[in-house]
Amino acid sequence: RLRGSGRAATAGRGASVSVALSGGAPGITYDGAVRLGVCARVGPTVAPLHPVSADSLGRGAAASDLPFPVDSLLRAPHVVVYGRGGRPEACGPVGAPAARDTAAPPPPDTAGPRAED
């Protein structure tokens, strides 16, 4: 059974989508796409992704650059699908990008000057 993992990241003004598939049939090439919808109800293709060719162990990977920002994929449900003959065999939702460490320093003491005895 084909399965995979992926990551979407900002790449300049666009996005980069990288995927790794496993459980594929050795020597088979799987076509990929970002599609509107959810895995239970896949919609139209938003952007094609580079195909993934399964090696002798049924594994493969690819990275694709998209001409639009990652944020645009988060405004509505999108999925990444890979399969053959237009039939999805592996599907996963495009989720929020991994949070970066954006912890701000503690705010300065704004209580004003303190009177001393």
C-alpha atoms as a PDB file:
ATOM      1  CA  ARG A   1       0.000   0.000   0.000  1.00  0.00           C
ATOM      2  CA  LEU A   2       1.411   3.371  -1.037  1.00  0.00           C
ATOM      3  CA  ARG A   3       1.958   5.833   1.788  1.00  0.00           C
ATOM      4  CA  GLY A   4       4.064   8.890   2.307  1.00  0.00           C
ATOM      5  CA  SER A   5       5.034  11.990   4.156  1.00  0.00           C
ATOM      6  CA  GLY A   6       5.581  15.500   2.980  1.00  0.00           C
ATOM      7  CA  ARG A   7       6.447  19.022   3.846  1.00  0.00           C
ATOM      8  CA  ALA A   8       5.484  22.399   2.421  1.00  0.00           C
ATOM      9  CA  ALA A   9       7.768  25.354   3.040  1.00  0.00           C
ATOM     10  CA  THR A  10       8.194  28.909   1.875  1.00  0.00           C
ATOM     11  CA  ALA A  11      10.607  29.264  -1.042  1.00  0.00           C
ATOM     12  CA  GLY A  12      11.078  32.894  -2.019  1.00  0.00           C
ATOM     13  CA  ARG A  13       7.687  34.189  -3.153  1.00  0.00           C
ATOM     14  CA  GLY A  14       6.436  30.654  -3.756  1.00  0.00           C
ATOM     15  CA  ALA A  15       6.370  27.334  -1.982  1.00  0.00           C
ATOM     16  CA  SER A  16       8.371  24.136  -2.060  1.00  0.00           C
ATOM     17  CA  VAL A  17       6.656  20.786  -1.525  1.00  0.00           C
ATOM     18  CA  SER A  18       8.806  17.749  -0.762  1.00  0.00           C
ATOM     19  CA  VAL A  19       7.418  14.228  -0.475  1.00  0.00           C
ATOM     20  CA  ALA A  20       8.759  10.776   0.356  1.00  0.00           C
ATOM     21  CA  LEU A  21       6.751   7.710  -0.630  1.00  0.00           C
ATOM     22  CA  SER A  22       7.064   4.101   0.505  1.00  0.00           C
ATOM     23  CA  GLY A  23       5.111   0.928  -0.133  1.00  0.00           C
ATOM     24  CA  GLY A  24       5.043   1.518  -3.863  1.00  0.00           C
ATOM     25  CA  ALA A  25       5.476  -1.060  -6.592  1.00  0.00           C
ATOM     26  CA  PRO A  26       9.164  -1.215  -7.603  1.00  0.00           C
ATOM     27  CA  GLY A  27       9.847   0.561 -10.887  1.00  0.00           C
ATOM     28  CA  ILE A  28       6.473   2.328 -10.985  1.00  0.00           C
ATOM     29  CA  THR A  29       6.234   6.106 -11.356  1.00  0.00           C
ATOM     30  CA  TYR A  30       3.547   7.887  -9.358  1.00  0.00           C
ATOM     31  CA  ASP A  31       2.121  11.220 -10.489  1.00  0.00           C
ATOM     32  CA  GLY A  32       1.487  13.888  -7.875  1.00  0.00           C
ATOM     33  CA  ALA A  33      -0.575  17.012  -7.469  1.00  0.00           C
ATOM     34  CA  VAL A  34      -1.806  19.536  -4.963  1.00  0.00           C
ATOM     35  CA  ARG A  35      -5.569  19.360  -5.109  1.00  0.00           C
ATOM     36  CA  LEU A  36      -8.419  21.258  -3.535  1.00  0.00           C
ATOM     37  CA  GLY A  37     -10.469  19.345  -0.972  1.00  0.00           C
ATOM     38  CA  VAL A  38      -9.937  16.628   1.605  1.00  0.00           C
ATOM     39  CA  CYS A  39      -8.797  13.033   1.143  1.00  0.00           C
ATOM     40  CA  ALA A  40     -12.367  11.730   1.415  1.00  0.00           C
ATOM     41  CA  ARG A  41     -13.454  14.125  -1.347  1.00  0.00           C
ATOM     42  CA  VAL A  42     -10.564  15.179  -3.568  1.00  0.00           C
ATOM     43  CA  GLY A  43     -11.282  18.170  -5.786  1.00  0.00           C
ATOM     44  CA  PRO A  44      -9.623  19.718  -8.825  1.00  0.00           C
ATOM     45  CA  THR A  45      -5.877  19.980  -9.321  1.00  0.00           C
ATOM     46  CA  VAL A  46      -4.335  23.253  -8.150  1.00  0.00           C
ATOM     47  CA  ALA A  47      -0.764  22.432  -9.192  1.00  0.00           C
ATOM     48  CA  PRO A  48       1.068  19.384 -10.533  1.00  0.00           C
ATOM     49  CA  LEU A  49       3.998  17.987  -8.543  1.00  0.00           C
ATOM     50  CA  HIS A  50       7.065  16.170  -9.829  1.00  0.00           C
ATOM     51  CA  PRO A  51       6.469  12.439 -10.219  1.00  0.00           C
ATOM     52  CA  VAL A  52       8.045   9.935  -7.832  1.00  0.00           C
ATOM     53  CA  SER A  53       9.623   6.730  -9.169  1.00  0.00           C
ATOM     54  CA  ALA A  54       9.688   3.840  -6.722  1.00  0.00           C
ATOM     55  CA  ASP A  55      13.052   2.108  -6.341  1.00  0.00           C
ATOM     56  CA  SER A  56      13.549  -1.637  -5.820  1.00  0.00           C
ATOM     57  CA  LEU A  57      12.288  -1.250  -2.236  1.00  0.00           C
ATOM     58  CA  GLY A  58       9.193   0.705  -3.304  1.00  0.00           C
ATOM     59  CA  ARG A  59      10.533   4.045  -2.041  1.00  0.00           C
ATOM     60  CA  GLY A  60      11.036   7.363  -3.769  1.00  0.00           C
ATOM     61  CA  ALA A  61      11.090  11.110  -3.206  1.00  0.00           C
ATOM     62  CA  ALA A  62      10.632  14.355  -5.076  1.00  0.00           C
ATOM     63  CA  ALA A  63      10.575  18.098  -4.460  1.00  0.00           C
ATOM     64  CA  SER A  64       8.522  20.587  -6.443  1.00  0.00           C
ATOM     65  CA  ASP A  65       8.454  24.375  -6.486  1.00  0.00           C
ATOM     66  CA  LEU A  66       5.078  26.086  -6.706  1.00  0.00           C
ATOM     67  CA  PRO A  67       4.499  29.632  -8.002  1.00  0.00           C
ATOM     68  CA  PHE A  68       2.276  30.642  -5.087  1.00  0.00           C
ATOM     69  CA  PRO A  69       2.907  31.024  -1.329  1.00  0.00           C
ATOM     70  CA  VAL A  70       2.271  28.314   1.239  1.00  0.00           C
ATOM     71  CA  ASP A  71      -0.245  30.594   2.969  1.00  0.00           C
ATOM     72  CA  SER A  72      -2.548  30.353  -0.050  1.00  0.00           C
ATOM     73  CA  LEU A  73      -2.805  26.594   0.581  1.00  0.00           C
ATOM     74  CA  LEU A  74      -4.051  27.216   4.109  1.00  0.00           C
ATOM     75  CA  ARG A  75      -7.020  29.425   3.171  1.00  0.00           C
ATOM     76  CA  ALA A  76      -9.057  26.395   2.060  1.00  0.00           C
ATOM     77  CA  PRO A  77      -8.564  22.641   2.468  1.00  0.00           C
ATOM     78  CA  HIS A  78      -5.886  21.244   0.139  1.00  0.00           C
ATOM     79  CA  VAL A  79      -4.330  17.803  -0.170  1.00  0.00           C
ATOM     80  CA  VAL A  80      -1.226  16.318  -1.739  1.00  0.00           C
ATOM     81  CA  VAL A  81      -2.052  13.200  -3.730  1.00  0.00           C
ATOM     82  CA  TYR A  82       0.101  10.637  -5.540  1.00  0.00           C
ATOM     83  CA  GLY A  83      -1.121   7.782  -7.679  1.00  0.00           C
ATOM     84  CA  ARG A  84      -1.381   6.325 -11.180  1.00  0.00           C
ATOM     85  CA  GLY A  85      -3.821   6.972 -13.990  1.00  0.00           C
ATOM     86  CA  GLY A  86      -5.439   9.905 -12.209  1.00  0.00           C
ATOM     87  CA  ARG A  87      -6.444   7.716  -9.246  1.00  0.00           C
ATOM     88  CA  PRO A  88      -5.110   8.819  -5.852  1.00  0.00           C
ATOM     89  CA  GLU A  89      -3.285   6.040  -3.998  1.00  0.00           C
ATOM     90  CA  ALA A  90      -1.732   8.173  -1.258  1.00  0.00           C
ATOM     91  CA  CYS A  91      -3.288  11.349   0.090  1.00  0.00           C
ATOM     92  CA  GLY A  92      -2.466  13.755   2.891  1.00  0.00           C
ATOM     93  CA  PRO A  93      -3.766  17.149   3.985  1.00  0.00           C
ATOM     94  CA  VAL A  94      -1.716  20.298   3.625  1.00  0.00           C
ATOM     95  CA  GLY A  95      -1.545  21.582   7.189  1.00  0.00           C
ATOM     96  CA  ALA A  96      -0.133  24.590   8.902  1.00  0.00           C
ATOM     97  CA  PRO A  97       3.622  24.912   8.454  1.00  0.00           C
ATOM     98  CA  ALA A  98       5.773  23.931  11.382  1.00  0.00           C
ATOM     99  CA  ALA A  99       5.962  26.702  13.924  1.00  0.00           C
ATOM    100  CA  ARG A 100       9.244  28.528  14.129  1.00  0.00           C
ATOM    101  CA  ASP A 101      10.694  29.550  17.451  1.00  0.00           C
ATOM    102  CA  THR A 102       9.259  33.037  17.625  1.00  0.00           C
ATOM    103  CA  ALA A 103       9.310  33.451  21.378  1.00  0.00           C
ATOM    104  CA  ALA A 104       9.747  37.114  22.150  1.00  0.00           C
ATOM    105  CA  PRO A 105      11.833  38.300  25.049  1.00  0.00           C
ATOM    106  CA  PRO A 106       9.830  39.187  28.150  1.00  0.00           C
ATOM    107  CA  PRO A 107       8.381  42.696  28.059  1.00  0.00           C
ATOM    108  CA  PRO A 108      10.345  45.396  29.837  1.00  0.00           C
ATOM    109  CA  ASP A 109       9.297  46.395  33.320  1.00  0.00           C
ATOM    110  CA  THR A 110       6.778  49.161  32.704  1.00  0.00           C
ATOM    111  CA  ALA A 111       5.822  49.820  36.305  1.00  0.00           C
ATOM    112  CA  GLY A 112       7.899  53.001  36.247  1.00  0.00           C
ATOM    113  CA  PRO A 113      10.472  54.126  38.750  1.00  0.00           C
ATOM    114  CA  ARG A 114      10.199  52.702  42.225  1.00  0.00           C
ATOM    115  CA  ALA A 115      10.501  54.824  45.296  1.00  0.00           C
ATOM    116  CA  GLU A 116      13.015  53.594  47.781  1.00  0.00           C
ATOM    117  CA  ASP A 117      12.681  54.087  51.540  1.00  0.00           C
END
